[in-house]
Amino acid sequence: MIDFNNKPLFLAPMAGFSDLPFRNVVKKFGADVTISEMISSNALVYENKKTLHMLKKAELEKPYIVQIAGSDAEIIKKAVLILNEIDFIDGIDFNCGCPVNKVVKQCAGSALLKDLDLFKKLVATIKEYNKKSLTSVKFRLGFDDKYPEKMAKICEELEINFISIHGRTRKALYSGNADYKSIAYAKSQVKIPVIANGDINASNANEVFNITKCDGLMIGRASVGNPWIFYEIKEGKKIDKALKKEIILFHFDEIIKHYGNLGVNIFKKHLHEYSKTHKNACAFRSEINHYTKALEMRNSIENFF
């Protein structure tokens, strides 16, 4: 289902950005694998309406992986059993990398890297009950220190299909540079596919492959306002103005299709990113901030880009 011989490119889960419309955009323009925004296993089990809406799959997503987070084995088991009943989901990914305080305080996300017995128990629970074809785990290098090979070996022992490693500790949050040599070391210790994540862009993608010897790359923040990054990595060239405009308009149409007129407000944050390097960007941002209707915003996008 995922061809690791061809160095696949993954879109990283990003709260507030990697929603269904954005995932459809990157799939159309070069991404090989997409993963949902992080889903709370608690919210899923208690059928939070917003959470159920987040599970929906974009038209072009194949394979489509849902990422869950949590720290209670029984709740995680129930979440997996719910996902098993949804036909269009191809895999389940377990988040052991989220560094934000509200997740860590619940002993979830990267907090699990402080308790590798619990980490192993939860990963084993997902593997045991998951009836989908893919089970994967995303984690950081460690909590305060770096020991990614420990998590990698646990995942290999449990026959996880692939792992994604973000090249920072939880302590580092998003500061400093991603440590690709530590990812390379973890990769050298296991035989399962390893995906490198952290600070990857179109300029350094080949270098990251060379340093880490990884089986694929996962791109997150560098794709915001720049979803054509997957195309540029694969084609080895910058996109032209016409294609950039086509991608932005496709993204806008997907947003409106998914959210209705609420999408006008949601898309403003994306337009702020898309317009960053353009002349008269400040005036454009000021103008779109007042829009409430899809047609007027689309016309403005057509004229500006």
C-alpha atoms as a PDB file:
ATOM      1  CA  MET A   1       0.000   0.000   0.000  1.00  0.00           C
ATOM      2  CA  ILE A   2       2.943   2.367   0.657  1.00  0.00           C
ATOM      3  CA  ASP A   3       5.844   1.893  -1.725  1.00  0.00           C
ATOM      4  CA  PHE A   4       8.874   2.536   0.481  1.00  0.00           C
ATOM      5  CA  ASN A   5      11.207   1.770  -2.447  1.00  0.00           C
ATOM      6  CA  ASN A   6      10.192   5.071  -4.033  1.00  0.00           C
ATOM      7  CA  LYS A   7      10.951   7.313  -1.041  1.00  0.00           C
ATOM      8  CA  PRO A   8       7.370   8.420  -0.300  1.00  0.00           C
ATOM      9  CA  LEU A   9       6.534  11.897   0.944  1.00  0.00           C
ATOM     10  CA  PHE A  10       4.137  12.195   3.895  1.00  0.00           C
ATOM     11  CA  LEU A  11       2.096  15.150   5.105  1.00  0.00           C
ATOM     12  CA  ALA A  12       2.564  15.435   8.876  1.00  0.00           C
ATOM     13  CA  PRO A  13      -0.503  15.792  11.116  1.00  0.00           C
ATOM     14  CA  MET A  14      -0.886  19.459  12.085  1.00  0.00           C
ATOM     15  CA  ALA A  15      -3.666  20.759  14.317  1.00  0.00           C
ATOM     16  CA  GLY A  16      -5.673  23.415  12.519  1.00  0.00           C
ATOM     17  CA  PHE A  17      -3.933  22.928   9.175  1.00  0.00           C
ATOM     18  CA  SER A  18      -3.902  19.317   7.949  1.00  0.00           C
ATOM     19  CA  ASP A  19      -7.677  19.143   7.632  1.00  0.00           C
ATOM     20  CA  LEU A  20      -9.516  17.363   4.815  1.00  0.00           C
ATOM     21  CA  PRO A  21      -9.279  20.204   2.242  1.00  0.00           C
ATOM     22  CA  PHE A  22      -5.542  20.698   2.796  1.00  0.00           C
ATOM     23  CA  ARG A  23      -4.897  16.959   2.589  1.00  0.00           C
ATOM     24  CA  ASN A  24      -6.741  16.795  -0.737  1.00  0.00           C
ATOM     25  CA  VAL A  25      -4.591  19.660  -2.056  1.00  0.00           C
ATOM     26  CA  VAL A  26      -1.263  18.046  -1.166  1.00  0.00           C
ATOM     27  CA  LYS A  27      -2.427  14.681  -2.516  1.00  0.00           C
ATOM     28  CA  LYS A  28      -3.220  16.298  -5.864  1.00  0.00           C
ATOM     29  CA  PHE A  29       0.154  18.033  -5.959  1.00  0.00           C
ATOM     30  CA  GLY A  30       2.712  15.431  -4.920  1.00  0.00           C
ATOM     31  CA  ALA A  31       2.187  14.017  -1.413  1.00  0.00           C
ATOM     32  CA  ASP A  32       2.056  10.215  -1.302  1.00  0.00           C
ATOM     33  CA  VAL A  33       0.586   9.635   2.155  1.00  0.00           C
ATOM     34  CA  THR A  34      -1.656  11.824   4.292  1.00  0.00           C
ATOM     35  CA  ILE A  35      -2.489  11.548   7.977  1.00  0.00           C
ATOM     36  CA  SER A  36      -5.433  13.155   9.764  1.00  0.00           C
ATOM     37  CA  GLU A  37      -5.083  15.846  12.373  1.00  0.00           C
ATOM     38  CA  MET A  38      -4.380  14.341  15.800  1.00  0.00           C
ATOM     39  CA  ILE A  39      -7.583  12.773  17.159  1.00  0.00           C
ATOM     40  CA  SER A  40      -8.116  12.442  20.903  1.00  0.00           C
ATOM     41  CA  SER A  41      -8.992   8.820  21.679  1.00  0.00           C
ATOM     42  CA  ASN A  42     -11.185  10.107  24.527  1.00  0.00           C
ATOM     43  CA  ALA A  43     -13.116  12.438  22.225  1.00  0.00           C
ATOM     44  CA  LEU A  44     -13.520   9.651  19.684  1.00  0.00           C
ATOM     45  CA  VAL A  45     -14.839   7.134  22.222  1.00  0.00           C
ATOM     46  CA  TYR A  46     -17.307   9.672  23.617  1.00  0.00           C
ATOM     47  CA  GLU A  47     -18.431  10.558  20.069  1.00  0.00           C
ATOM     48  CA  ASN A  48     -17.577  14.228  20.071  1.00  0.00           C
ATOM     49  CA  LYS A  49     -19.269  15.595  16.915  1.00  0.00           C
ATOM     50  CA  LYS A  50     -16.323  17.769  15.912  1.00  0.00           C
ATOM     51  CA  THR A  51     -13.997  14.766  16.275  1.00  0.00           C
ATOM     52  CA  LEU A  52     -16.217  12.555  14.107  1.00  0.00           C
ATOM     53  CA  HIS A  53     -16.247  15.298  11.451  1.00  0.00           C
ATOM     54  CA  MET A  54     -12.424  15.341  11.536  1.00  0.00           C
ATOM     55  CA  LEU A  55     -12.348  11.656  10.594  1.00  0.00           C
ATOM     56  CA  LYS A  56     -13.751  12.262   7.113  1.00  0.00           C
ATOM     57  CA  LYS A  57     -11.532  11.315   4.189  1.00  0.00           C
ATOM     58  CA  ALA A  58     -10.654  13.570   1.273  1.00  0.00           C
ATOM     59  CA  GLU A  59     -11.523  12.417  -2.231  1.00  0.00           C
ATOM     60  CA  LEU A  60      -7.921  11.789  -3.326  1.00  0.00           C
ATOM     61  CA  GLU A  61      -6.616  10.238  -0.102  1.00  0.00           C
ATOM     62  CA  LYS A  62      -5.308   6.737  -0.636  1.00  0.00           C
ATOM     63  CA  PRO A  63      -3.872   5.542   1.624  1.00  0.00           C
ATOM     64  CA  TYR A  64      -5.562   7.478   4.426  1.00  0.00           C
ATOM     65  CA  ILE A  65      -4.214   7.137   7.969  1.00  0.00           C
ATOM     66  CA  VAL A  66      -5.907   8.426  11.123  1.00  0.00           C
ATOM     67  CA  GLN A  67      -3.684   9.520  13.993  1.00  0.00           C
ATOM     68  CA  ILE A  68      -4.890   9.010  17.553  1.00  0.00           C
ATOM     69  CA  ALA A  69      -3.477  10.136  20.893  1.00  0.00           C
ATOM     70  CA  GLY A  70      -4.094   9.020  24.447  1.00  0.00           C
ATOM     71  CA  SER A  71      -2.649   7.334  27.518  1.00  0.00           C
ATOM     72  CA  ASP A  72      -5.345   4.913  28.682  1.00  0.00           C
ATOM     73  CA  ALA A  73      -5.098   1.428  27.164  1.00  0.00           C
ATOM     74  CA  GLU A  74      -8.813   0.661  27.486  1.00  0.00           C
ATOM     75  CA  ILE A  75      -9.868   3.959  25.878  1.00  0.00           C
ATOM     76  CA  ILE A  76      -7.335   3.458  23.094  1.00  0.00           C
ATOM     77  CA  LYS A  77      -8.660  -0.064  22.492  1.00  0.00           C
ATOM     78  CA  LYS A  78     -12.203   1.318  22.195  1.00  0.00           C
ATOM     79  CA  ALA A  79     -11.000   4.046  19.811  1.00  0.00           C
ATOM     80  CA  VAL A  80      -9.303   1.449  17.592  1.00  0.00           C
ATOM     81  CA  LEU A  81     -12.471  -0.681  17.534  1.00  0.00           C
ATOM     82  CA  ILE A  82     -14.458   2.380  16.374  1.00  0.00           C
ATOM     83  CA  LEU A  83     -11.936   3.100  13.605  1.00  0.00           C
ATOM     84  CA  ASN A  84     -12.070  -0.544  12.508  1.00  0.00           C
ATOM     85  CA  GLU A  85     -15.711  -0.001  11.551  1.00  0.00           C
ATOM     86  CA  ILE A  86     -14.900   2.857   9.159  1.00  0.00           C
ATOM     87  CA  ASP A  87     -14.176   1.321   5.761  1.00  0.00           C
ATOM     88  CA  PHE A  88     -12.231   4.180   4.150  1.00  0.00           C
ATOM     89  CA  ILE A  89      -9.496   4.279   6.826  1.00  0.00           C
ATOM     90  CA  ASP A  90      -6.357   2.389   5.742  1.00  0.00           C
ATOM     91  CA  GLY A  91      -4.244   2.710   8.860  1.00  0.00           C
ATOM     92  CA  ILE A  92      -3.911   3.972  12.430  1.00  0.00           C
ATOM     93  CA  ASP A  93      -0.984   6.089  13.603  1.00  0.00           C
ATOM     94  CA  PHE A  94      -0.192   6.639  17.282  1.00  0.00           C
ATOM     95  CA  ASN A  95       0.994  10.069  18.384  1.00  0.00           C
ATOM     96  CA  CYS A  96       3.928   9.925  20.801  1.00  0.00           C
ATOM     97  CA  GLY A  97       5.435  13.214  19.706  1.00  0.00           C
ATOM     98  CA  CYS A  98       3.042  16.080  20.439  1.00  0.00           C
ATOM     99  CA  PRO A  99       4.956  18.445  22.785  1.00  0.00           C
ATOM    100  CA  VAL A 100       2.180  20.851  23.836  1.00  0.00           C
ATOM    101  CA  ASN A 101       1.525  21.166  27.557  1.00  0.00           C
ATOM    102  CA  LYS A 102      -2.171  20.248  27.554  1.00  0.00           C
ATOM    103  CA  VAL A 103      -1.368  16.917  25.849  1.00  0.00           C
ATOM    104  CA  VAL A 104       1.728  16.176  27.945  1.00  0.00           C
ATOM    105  CA  LYS A 105      -0.200  16.895  31.171  1.00  0.00           C
ATOM    106  CA  GLN A 106      -2.573  14.077  30.195  1.00  0.00           C
ATOM    107  CA  CYS A 107       0.445  11.740  29.937  1.00  0.00           C
ATOM    108  CA  ALA A 108      -0.150  11.547  26.183  1.00  0.00           C
ATOM    109  CA  GLY A 109       1.901  12.594  23.140  1.00  0.00           C
ATOM    110  CA  SER A 110       5.594  12.976  23.915  1.00  0.00           C
ATOM    111  CA  ALA A 111       4.956  12.361  27.651  1.00  0.00           C
ATOM    112  CA  LEU A 112       4.915   8.641  26.761  1.00  0.00           C
ATOM    113  CA  LEU A 113       8.632   8.879  26.000  1.00  0.00           C
ATOM    114  CA  LYS A 114       9.218   9.195  29.748  1.00  0.00           C
ATOM    115  CA  ASP A 115       7.503   5.867  30.371  1.00  0.00           C
ATOM    116  CA  LEU A 116       8.579   3.306  27.789  1.00  0.00           C
ATOM    117  CA  ASP A 117       6.696   0.499  29.537  1.00  0.00           C
ATOM    118  CA  LEU A 118       3.458   2.426  29.021  1.00  0.00           C
ATOM    119  CA  PHE A 119       4.587   3.383  25.503  1.00  0.00           C
ATOM    120  CA  LYS A 120       5.034  -0.312  24.700  1.00  0.00           C
ATOM    121  CA  LYS A 121       1.719  -1.293  26.297  1.00  0.00           C
ATOM    122  CA  LEU A 122      -0.245   1.284  24.290  1.00  0.00           C
ATOM    123  CA  VAL A 123       1.483   0.557  20.984  1.00  0.00           C
ATOM    124  CA  ALA A 124       0.877  -3.164  21.582  1.00  0.00           C
ATOM    125  CA  THR A 125      -2.810  -2.460  22.256  1.00  0.00           C
ATOM    126  CA  ILE A 126      -3.207  -0.654  18.941  1.00  0.00           C
ATOM    127  CA  LYS A 127      -1.331  -3.370  17.060  1.00  0.00           C
ATOM    128  CA  GLU A 128      -3.417  -6.131  18.655  1.00  0.00           C
ATOM    129  CA  TYR A 129      -6.828  -4.635  17.920  1.00  0.00           C
ATOM    130  CA  ASN A 130      -6.188  -2.736  14.677  1.00  0.00           C
ATOM    131  CA  LYS A 131      -7.786  -4.564  11.739  1.00  0.00           C
ATOM    132  CA  LYS A 132      -6.514  -2.043   9.196  1.00  0.00           C
ATOM    133  CA  SER A 133      -3.527  -2.850   6.988  1.00  0.00           C
ATOM    134  CA  LEU A 134      -1.230  -0.237   8.562  1.00  0.00           C
ATOM    135  CA  THR A 135      -0.150   0.479  12.142  1.00  0.00           C
ATOM    136  CA  SER A 136       2.419   3.221  12.648  1.00  0.00           C
ATOM    137  CA  VAL A 137       3.888   5.341  15.442  1.00  0.00           C
ATOM    138  CA  LYS A 138       5.220   8.907  15.403  1.00  0.00           C
ATOM    139  CA  PHE A 139       7.617   9.996  18.151  1.00  0.00           C
ATOM    140  CA  ARG A 140      10.375  12.445  19.019  1.00  0.00           C
ATOM    141  CA  LEU A 141      14.018  11.662  19.839  1.00  0.00           C
ATOM    142  CA  GLY A 142      13.156  11.467  23.529  1.00  0.00           C
ATOM    143  CA  PHE A 143      11.714  13.624  26.293  1.00  0.00           C
ATOM    144  CA  ASP A 144      14.732  15.472  27.736  1.00  0.00           C
ATOM    145  CA  ASP A 145      17.505  13.339  26.230  1.00  0.00           C
ATOM    146  CA  LYS A 146      17.902  11.485  22.926  1.00  0.00           C
ATOM    147  CA  TYR A 147      17.192   7.747  22.729  1.00  0.00           C
ATOM    148  CA  PRO A 148      15.114   7.221  19.559  1.00  0.00           C
ATOM    149  CA  GLU A 149      16.573   3.749  19.012  1.00  0.00           C
ATOM    150  CA  LYS A 150      14.739   2.555  22.147  1.00  0.00           C
ATOM    151  CA  MET A 151      11.304   3.470  20.778  1.00  0.00           C
ATOM    152  CA  ALA A 152      12.292   2.212  17.326  1.00  0.00           C
ATOM    153  CA  LYS A 153      13.273  -1.217  18.682  1.00  0.00           C
ATOM    154  CA  ILE A 154      10.037  -1.503  20.678  1.00  0.00           C
ATOM    155  CA  CYS A 155       8.049  -0.736  17.526  1.00  0.00           C
ATOM    156  CA  GLU A 156      10.024  -3.265  15.510  1.00  0.00           C
ATOM    157  CA  GLU A 157       9.496  -5.921  18.176  1.00  0.00           C
ATOM    158  CA  LEU A 158       5.729  -5.256  18.005  1.00  0.00           C
ATOM    159  CA  GLU A 159       5.809  -5.547  14.183  1.00  0.00           C
ATOM    160  CA  ILE A 160       4.709  -1.969  13.543  1.00  0.00           C
ATOM    161  CA  ASN A 161       4.577  -1.250   9.784  1.00  0.00           C
ATOM    162  CA  PHE A 162       6.588   1.989   9.907  1.00  0.00           C
ATOM    163  CA  ILE A 163       7.679   4.721  12.307  1.00  0.00           C
ATOM    164  CA  SER A 164       8.092   8.481  11.902  1.00  0.00           C
ATOM    165  CA  ILE A 165      10.738  10.284  13.948  1.00  0.00           C
ATOM    166  CA  HIS A 166      10.757  14.030  14.579  1.00  0.00           C
ATOM    167  CA  GLY A 167      14.353  15.146  15.016  1.00  0.00           C
ATOM    168  CA  ARG A 168      13.933  16.975  18.332  1.00  0.00           C
ATOM    169  CA  THR A 169      13.302  16.073  21.961  1.00  0.00           C
ATOM    170  CA  ARG A 170      10.172  17.245  23.725  1.00  0.00           C
ATOM    171  CA  LYS A 171      12.367  19.617  25.752  1.00  0.00           C
ATOM    172  CA  ALA A 172      13.491  21.323  22.527  1.00  0.00           C
ATOM    173  CA  LEU A 173       9.891  21.868  21.348  1.00  0.00           C
ATOM    174  CA  TYR A 174      10.487  23.506  17.936  1.00  0.00           C
ATOM    175  CA  SER A 175      13.697  25.361  18.803  1.00  0.00           C
ATOM    176  CA  GLY A 176      17.129  24.713  17.321  1.00  0.00           C
ATOM    177  CA  ASN A 177      17.661  22.415  14.357  1.00  0.00           C
ATOM    178  CA  ALA A 178      16.332  18.922  13.776  1.00  0.00           C
ATOM    179  CA  ASP A 179      18.987  16.311  14.558  1.00  0.00           C
ATOM    180  CA  TYR A 180      19.141  14.092  11.482  1.00  0.00           C
ATOM    181  CA  LYS A 181      22.130  12.120  12.770  1.00  0.00           C
ATOM    182  CA  SER A 182      20.071  10.857  15.702  1.00  0.00           C
ATOM    183  CA  ILE A 183      17.332   9.798  13.283  1.00  0.00           C
ATOM    184  CA  ALA A 184      20.026   8.057  11.202  1.00  0.00           C
ATOM    185  CA  TYR A 185      21.224   6.161  14.271  1.00  0.00           C
ATOM    186  CA  ALA A 186      17.719   4.951  15.080  1.00  0.00           C
ATOM    187  CA  LYS A 187      17.272   3.934  11.435  1.00  0.00           C
ATOM    188  CA  SER A 188      20.490   1.903  11.577  1.00  0.00           C
ATOM    189  CA  GLN A 189      19.191  -0.090  14.551  1.00  0.00           C
ATOM    190  CA  VAL A 190      15.981  -1.441  12.982  1.00  0.00           C
ATOM    191  CA  LYS A 191      14.778  -3.033   9.768  1.00  0.00           C
ATOM    192  CA  ILE A 192      11.263  -1.550   9.662  1.00  0.00           C
ATOM    193  CA  PRO A 193      10.721   1.558   7.478  1.00  0.00           C
ATOM    194  CA  VAL A 194      11.644   4.859   9.148  1.00  0.00           C
ATOM    195  CA  ILE A 195      10.302   8.264   8.082  1.00  0.00           C
ATOM    196  CA  ALA A 196      12.338  11.402   8.888  1.00  0.00           C
ATOM    197  CA  ASN A 197      10.524  14.527  10.097  1.00  0.00           C
ATOM    198  CA  GLY A 198      11.582  18.032  11.138  1.00  0.00           C
ATOM    199  CA  ASP A 199      12.750  21.165   9.261  1.00  0.00           C
ATOM    200  CA  ILE A 200      12.482  19.469   5.852  1.00  0.00           C
ATOM    201  CA  ASN A 201      12.050  21.689   2.816  1.00  0.00           C
ATOM    202  CA  ALA A 202      12.533  21.512  -0.951  1.00  0.00           C
ATOM    203  CA  SER A 203      16.170  22.633  -0.641  1.00  0.00           C
ATOM    204  CA  ASN A 204      17.365  20.070   1.910  1.00  0.00           C
ATOM    205  CA  ALA A 205      15.181  17.029   1.148  1.00  0.00           C
ATOM    206  CA  ASN A 206      17.899  15.130  -0.721  1.00  0.00           C
ATOM    207  CA  GLU A 207      20.434  15.957   1.990  1.00  0.00           C
ATOM    208  CA  VAL A 208      18.076  14.601   4.673  1.00  0.00           C
ATOM    209  CA  PHE A 209      17.678  11.382   2.695  1.00  0.00           C
ATOM    210  CA  ASN A 210      21.464  11.106   2.406  1.00  0.00           C
ATOM    211  CA  ILE A 211      22.125  11.745   6.111  1.00  0.00           C
ATOM    212  CA  THR A 212      19.333   9.637   7.594  1.00  0.00           C
ATOM    213  CA  LYS A 213      19.122   6.854   4.965  1.00  0.00           C
ATOM    214  CA  CYS A 214      15.398   6.942   5.781  1.00  0.00           C
ATOM    215  CA  ASP A 215      12.666   5.333   3.733  1.00  0.00           C
ATOM    216  CA  GLY A 216      10.593   8.506   3.364  1.00  0.00           C
ATOM    217  CA  LEU A 217      10.177  12.097   4.500  1.00  0.00           C
ATOM    218  CA  MET A 218       7.382  13.691   6.507  1.00  0.00           C
ATOM    219  CA  ILE A 219       6.752  17.402   6.000  1.00  0.00           C
ATOM    220  CA  GLY A 220       4.654  19.580   8.282  1.00  0.00           C
ATOM    221  CA  ARG A 221       5.193  23.284   8.906  1.00  0.00           C
ATOM    222  CA  ALA A 222       7.074  23.830   5.627  1.00  0.00           C
ATOM    223  CA  SER A 223       3.912  22.899   3.714  1.00  0.00           C
ATOM    224  CA  VAL A 224       1.752  25.622   5.294  1.00  0.00           C
ATOM    225  CA  GLY A 225       1.380  28.357   2.691  1.00  0.00           C
ATOM    226  CA  ASN A 226       3.536  26.134   0.496  1.00  0.00           C
ATOM    227  CA  PRO A 227       1.590  22.916  -0.264  1.00  0.00           C
ATOM    228  CA  TRP A 228       3.418  22.640  -3.589  1.00  0.00           C
ATOM    229  CA  ILE A 229       6.556  21.631  -1.649  1.00  0.00           C
ATOM    230  CA  PHE A 230       5.822  17.970  -2.433  1.00  0.00           C
ATOM    231  CA  TYR A 231       5.678  18.741  -6.148  1.00  0.00           C
ATOM    232  CA  GLU A 232       8.918  20.727  -5.961  1.00  0.00           C
ATOM    233  CA  ILE A 233      10.789  17.942  -4.145  1.00  0.00           C
ATOM    234  CA  LYS A 234       9.654  15.349  -6.676  1.00  0.00           C
ATOM    235  CA  GLU A 235      10.168  17.479  -9.776  1.00  0.00           C
ATOM    236  CA  GLY A 236      13.336  19.186  -8.566  1.00  0.00           C
ATOM    237  CA  LYS A 237      12.126  22.610  -9.685  1.00  0.00           C
ATOM    238  CA  LYS A 238      10.082  25.583  -8.496  1.00  0.00           C
ATOM    239  CA  ILE A 239       6.461  25.886  -9.554  1.00  0.00           C
ATOM    240  CA  ASP A 240       5.441  28.687 -11.888  1.00  0.00           C
ATOM    241  CA  LYS A 241       2.996  31.483 -11.101  1.00  0.00           C
ATOM    242  CA  ALA A 242       0.116  29.858 -12.994  1.00  0.00           C
ATOM    243  CA  LEU A 243       0.361  26.559 -11.098  1.00  0.00           C
ATOM    244  CA  LYS A 244       0.663  28.376  -7.791  1.00  0.00           C
ATOM    245  CA  LYS A 245      -2.588  30.241  -8.525  1.00  0.00           C
ATOM    246  CA  GLU A 246      -4.275  26.976  -9.562  1.00  0.00           C
ATOM    247  CA  ILE A 247      -3.279  25.317  -6.276  1.00  0.00           C
ATOM    248  CA  ILE A 248      -4.487  28.236  -4.144  1.00  0.00           C
ATOM    249  CA  LEU A 249      -7.851  28.330  -5.931  1.00  0.00           C
ATOM    250  CA  PHE A 250      -8.222  24.548  -5.666  1.00  0.00           C
ATOM    251  CA  HIS A 251      -7.511  24.804  -1.924  1.00  0.00           C
ATOM    252  CA  PHE A 252     -10.112  27.562  -1.536  1.00  0.00           C
ATOM    253  CA  ASP A 253     -12.749  25.562  -3.433  1.00  0.00           C
ATOM    254  CA  GLU A 254     -12.021  22.506  -1.265  1.00  0.00           C
ATOM    255  CA  ILE A 255     -12.381  24.605   1.905  1.00  0.00           C
ATOM    256  CA  ILE A 256     -15.778  25.958   0.815  1.00  0.00           C
ATOM    257  CA  LYS A 257     -16.927  22.484  -0.248  1.00  0.00           C
ATOM    258  CA  HIS A 258     -16.052  21.093   3.189  1.00  0.00           C
ATOM    259  CA  TYR A 259     -17.013  23.936   5.536  1.00  0.00           C
ATOM    260  CA  GLY A 260     -19.580  25.902   3.533  1.00  0.00           C
ATOM    261  CA  ASN A 261     -19.486  29.670   4.034  1.00  0.00           C
ATOM    262  CA  LEU A 262     -17.573  29.189   7.324  1.00  0.00           C
ATOM    263  CA  GLY A 263     -14.662  28.364   5.040  1.00  0.00           C
ATOM    264  CA  VAL A 264     -14.285  32.050   4.139  1.00  0.00           C
ATOM    265  CA  ASN A 265     -13.022  32.833   7.636  1.00  0.00           C
ATOM    266  CA  ILE A 266     -11.018  29.608   7.896  1.00  0.00           C
ATOM    267  CA  PHE A 267      -9.194  30.321   4.633  1.00  0.00           C
ATOM    268  CA  LYS A 268      -7.955  33.736   5.789  1.00  0.00           C
ATOM    269  CA  LYS A 269      -5.089  32.167   7.772  1.00  0.00           C
ATOM    270  CA  HIS A 270      -4.027  30.276   4.627  1.00  0.00           C
ATOM    271  CA  LEU A 271      -4.165  33.420   2.473  1.00  0.00           C
ATOM    272  CA  HIS A 272      -1.972  35.220   5.012  1.00  0.00           C
ATOM    273  CA  GLU A 273       0.639  32.504   4.402  1.00  0.00           C
ATOM    274  CA  TYR A 274       0.168  32.317   0.623  1.00  0.00           C
ATOM    275  CA  SER A 275       0.597  36.073   0.200  1.00  0.00           C
ATOM    276  CA  LYS A 276       3.737  36.478   2.349  1.00  0.00           C
ATOM    277  CA  THR A 277       6.276  36.962  -0.440  1.00  0.00           C
ATOM    278  CA  HIS A 278       3.999  39.025  -2.681  1.00  0.00           C
ATOM    279  CA  LYS A 279       4.067  42.742  -3.330  1.00  0.00           C
ATOM    280  CA  ASN A 280       1.137  44.553  -1.666  1.00  0.00           C
ATOM    281  CA  ALA A 281       0.547  41.584   0.655  1.00  0.00           C
ATOM    282  CA  CYS A 282      -0.380  43.847   3.579  1.00  0.00           C
ATOM    283  CA  ALA A 283      -3.119  45.582   1.615  1.00  0.00           C
ATOM    284  CA  PHE A 284      -4.403  42.225   0.365  1.00  0.00           C
ATOM    285  CA  ARG A 285      -4.568  40.782   3.894  1.00  0.00           C
ATOM    286  CA  SER A 286      -6.372  43.853   5.149  1.00  0.00           C
ATOM    287  CA  GLU A 287      -8.872  43.545   2.310  1.00  0.00           C
ATOM    288  CA  ILE A 288      -9.663  39.836   2.749  1.00  0.00           C
ATOM    289  CA  ASN A 289     -10.058  40.195   6.512  1.00  0.00           C
ATOM    290  CA  HIS A 290     -13.357  41.986   5.853  1.00  0.00           C
ATOM    291  CA  TYR A 291     -14.799  39.359   3.516  1.00  0.00           C
ATOM    292  CA  THR A 292     -17.739  37.204   4.558  1.00  0.00           C
ATOM    293  CA  LYS A 293     -18.819  35.758   1.181  1.00  0.00           C
ATOM    294  CA  ALA A 294     -17.082  33.080  -0.875  1.00  0.00           C
ATOM    295  CA  LEU A 295     -17.530  34.746  -4.258  1.00  0.00           C
ATOM    296  CA  GLU A 296     -15.927  38.045  -3.261  1.00  0.00           C
ATOM    297  CA  MET A 297     -12.974  36.225  -1.692  1.00  0.00           C
ATOM    298  CA  ARG A 298     -12.503  34.018  -4.760  1.00  0.00           C
ATOM    299  CA  ASN A 299     -12.542  37.053  -7.056  1.00  0.00           C
ATOM    300  CA  SER A 300      -9.951  38.740  -4.871  1.00  0.00           C
ATOM    301  CA  ILE A 301      -7.714  35.655  -4.995  1.00  0.00           C
ATOM    302  CA  GLU A 302      -8.039  35.561  -8.811  1.00  0.00           C
ATOM    303  CA  ASN A 303      -7.003  39.209  -9.077  1.00  0.00           C
ATOM    304  CA  PHE A 304      -4.164  39.131  -6.515  1.00  0.00           C
ATOM    305  CA  PHE A 305      -2.342  35.980  -7.569  1.00  0.00           C
END
